[in-house]
């Protein structure tokens, strides 16, 4: 009897999760920079309106989903596990960010903003992974 299991490849797993983290961070910061330099957002560390904080939340949600998708796509196996690991890392980072900014002042946003990032981190990564797995399943059914 042969063992058809693929051996664990830790470096590919770490790379998949790091790629997801980098995608989310670079897309988020890149969009922030564009928004500030084009005047859509006020200068850095100046108070913003609720509508602008909602906009920032919205694109971070999209980027969180994209990060989960990228992580799942690059995972050597078990794409959902990798996407959830990304989500847990995002959750921990979001909690740290919330703890560091929640009472700092209006330039860091309303209190709901960092809490919203905490609440959405894991579901967004999970959804990105689920989108990739659904795409794989659809392709398998077509074949």
Protein backbone atom coordinates (compact mmCIF):
# COMPACT_ATOMS: atom_id res chain seq x y z
CA UNK A 1 0.00 0.00 0.00
CA UNK A 2 1.34 3.45 -0.89
CA UNK A 3 0.94 6.57 1.15
CA UNK A 4 -0.43 9.27 -1.17
CA UNK A 5 -0.20 12.06 1.39
CA UNK A 6 1.90 15.05 0.44
CA UNK A 7 4.67 15.75 2.96
CA UNK A 8 4.27 18.88 5.07
CA UNK A 9 6.03 21.85 3.54
CA UNK A 10 6.41 24.42 6.29
CA UNK A 11 8.17 27.04 4.19
CA UNK A 12 5.37 27.06 1.60
CA UNK A 13 2.80 27.35 4.36
CA UNK A 14 4.63 30.23 6.00
CA UNK A 15 5.09 31.87 2.61
CA UNK A 16 1.37 31.57 1.82
CA UNK A 17 0.39 33.25 5.09
CA UNK A 18 3.08 35.93 4.74
CA UNK A 19 1.88 36.65 1.20
CA UNK A 20 -1.63 37.19 2.54
CA UNK A 21 -0.36 39.48 5.30
CA UNK A 22 1.74 41.48 2.84
CA UNK A 23 -1.16 41.82 0.43
CA UNK A 24 -3.48 43.17 3.12
CA UNK A 25 -0.89 45.53 4.61
CA UNK A 26 0.45 46.85 1.30
CA UNK A 27 -2.99 47.31 -0.24
CA UNK A 28 -4.33 49.02 2.90
CA UNK A 29 -1.36 51.35 3.34
CA UNK A 30 -1.13 52.01 -0.39
CA UNK A 31 -4.79 52.99 -0.53
CA UNK A 32 -4.38 55.14 2.59
CA UNK A 33 -1.47 56.96 0.95
CA UNK A 34 -3.44 57.54 -2.26
CA UNK A 35 -6.46 58.77 -0.30
CA UNK A 36 -4.37 61.23 1.70
CA UNK A 37 -2.28 62.50 -1.21
CA UNK A 38 -5.31 63.03 -3.45
CA UNK A 39 -7.13 64.96 -0.75
CA UNK A 40 -9.96 62.47 -0.30
CA UNK A 41 -8.70 61.95 3.24
CA UNK A 42 -7.38 64.92 5.25
CA UNK A 43 -3.65 65.11 6.07
CA UNK A 44 -2.27 62.29 8.23
CA UNK A 45 -3.27 62.35 11.91
CA UNK A 46 -6.08 64.84 11.35
CA UNK A 47 -9.66 63.98 12.30
CA UNK A 48 -11.82 62.45 9.55
CA UNK A 49 -15.58 62.26 9.08
CA UNK A 50 -17.51 59.10 9.84
CA UNK A 51 -18.10 58.58 6.11
CA UNK A 52 -14.35 58.48 5.49
CA UNK A 53 -13.80 56.01 8.33
CA UNK A 54 -16.54 53.84 6.80
CA UNK A 55 -14.77 54.03 3.45
CA UNK A 56 -11.49 52.96 5.07
CA UNK A 57 -13.29 50.09 6.78
CA UNK A 58 -14.89 49.02 3.50
CA UNK A 59 -11.65 48.74 1.57
CA UNK A 60 -9.95 47.00 4.47
CA UNK A 61 -12.73 44.40 4.41
CA UNK A 62 -12.19 43.87 0.67
CA UNK A 63 -8.44 43.60 1.18
CA UNK A 64 -8.91 41.17 4.07
CA UNK A 65 -10.97 38.93 1.82
CA UNK A 66 -8.33 39.23 -0.91
CA UNK A 67 -5.62 38.32 1.60
CA UNK A 68 -7.53 35.20 2.62
CA UNK A 69 -7.96 34.25 -1.04
CA UNK A 70 -4.26 34.76 -1.80
CA UNK A 71 -3.24 32.74 1.25
CA UNK A 72 -5.58 29.88 0.33
CA UNK A 73 -4.42 29.98 -3.30
CA UNK A 74 -0.76 29.74 -2.34
CA UNK A 75 -1.22 27.17 0.43
CA UNK A 76 0.47 23.85 -0.37
CA UNK A 77 -2.51 22.01 1.14
CA UNK A 78 -5.51 22.70 3.40
CA UNK A 79 -6.28 26.16 2.01
CA UNK A 80 -8.97 26.93 4.59
CA UNK A 81 -6.60 26.17 7.46
CA UNK A 82 -4.09 28.63 6.02
CA UNK A 83 -6.76 31.30 5.49
CA UNK A 84 -7.95 30.89 9.09
CA UNK A 85 -4.37 31.18 10.36
CA UNK A 86 -4.12 34.44 8.43
CA UNK A 87 -7.38 35.55 10.05
CA UNK A 88 -6.14 34.72 13.54
CA UNK A 89 -2.95 36.70 12.91
CA UNK A 90 -5.07 39.58 11.62
CA UNK A 91 -7.26 39.31 14.71
CA UNK A 92 -4.24 39.51 17.04
CA UNK A 93 -2.80 42.48 15.14
CA UNK A 94 -6.19 44.22 15.16
CA UNK A 95 -6.57 43.69 18.91
CA UNK A 96 -3.12 45.18 19.46
CA UNK A 97 -4.00 48.12 17.22
CA UNK A 98 -7.28 48.67 19.03
CA UNK A 99 -5.58 48.51 22.42
CA UNK A 100 -3.04 51.08 21.30
CA UNK A 101 -5.40 53.57 19.68
CA UNK A 102 -8.90 53.27 21.09
CA UNK A 103 -8.55 56.15 23.57
CA UNK A 104 -5.95 58.21 21.73
CA UNK A 105 -8.10 60.88 20.11
CA UNK A 106 -10.10 61.71 17.01
CA UNK A 107 -7.11 61.46 14.67
CA UNK A 108 -7.11 57.69 15.33
CA UNK A 109 -10.77 57.40 14.48
CA UNK A 110 -13.95 56.73 16.37
CA UNK A 111 -13.93 53.89 18.86
CA UNK A 112 -15.97 51.66 16.54
CA UNK A 113 -13.26 51.75 13.86
CA UNK A 114 -10.54 49.64 15.57
CA UNK A 115 -13.25 47.42 17.07
CA UNK A 116 -14.66 46.93 13.58
CA UNK A 117 -11.25 45.80 12.36
CA UNK A 118 -11.09 43.31 15.23
CA UNK A 119 -14.55 41.94 14.43
CA UNK A 120 -13.93 41.63 10.67
CA UNK A 121 -10.38 40.22 10.61
CA UNK A 122 -11.18 36.53 10.96
CA UNK A 123 -14.43 36.45 8.92
CA UNK A 124 -12.78 38.28 6.00
CA UNK A 125 -9.84 35.88 5.83
CA UNK A 126 -12.22 32.93 6.14
CA UNK A 127 -14.41 34.28 3.34
CA UNK A 128 -11.40 34.76 1.08
CA UNK A 129 -10.36 31.17 1.70
CA UNK A 130 -13.91 29.97 1.12
CA UNK A 131 -14.07 31.82 -2.21
CA UNK A 132 -10.91 30.06 -3.35
CA UNK A 133 -12.14 26.63 -2.22
CA UNK A 134 -15.50 27.22 -3.92
CA UNK A 135 -13.68 28.09 -7.13
CA UNK A 136 -11.66 24.86 -6.85
CA UNK A 137 -14.80 22.82 -6.27
CA UNK A 138 -16.54 24.42 -9.25
CA UNK A 139 -13.57 23.60 -11.48
CA UNK A 140 -13.54 20.01 -10.23
CA UNK A 141 -17.22 19.61 -11.04
CA UNK A 142 -16.68 20.97 -14.57
CA UNK A 143 -13.94 18.46 -15.26
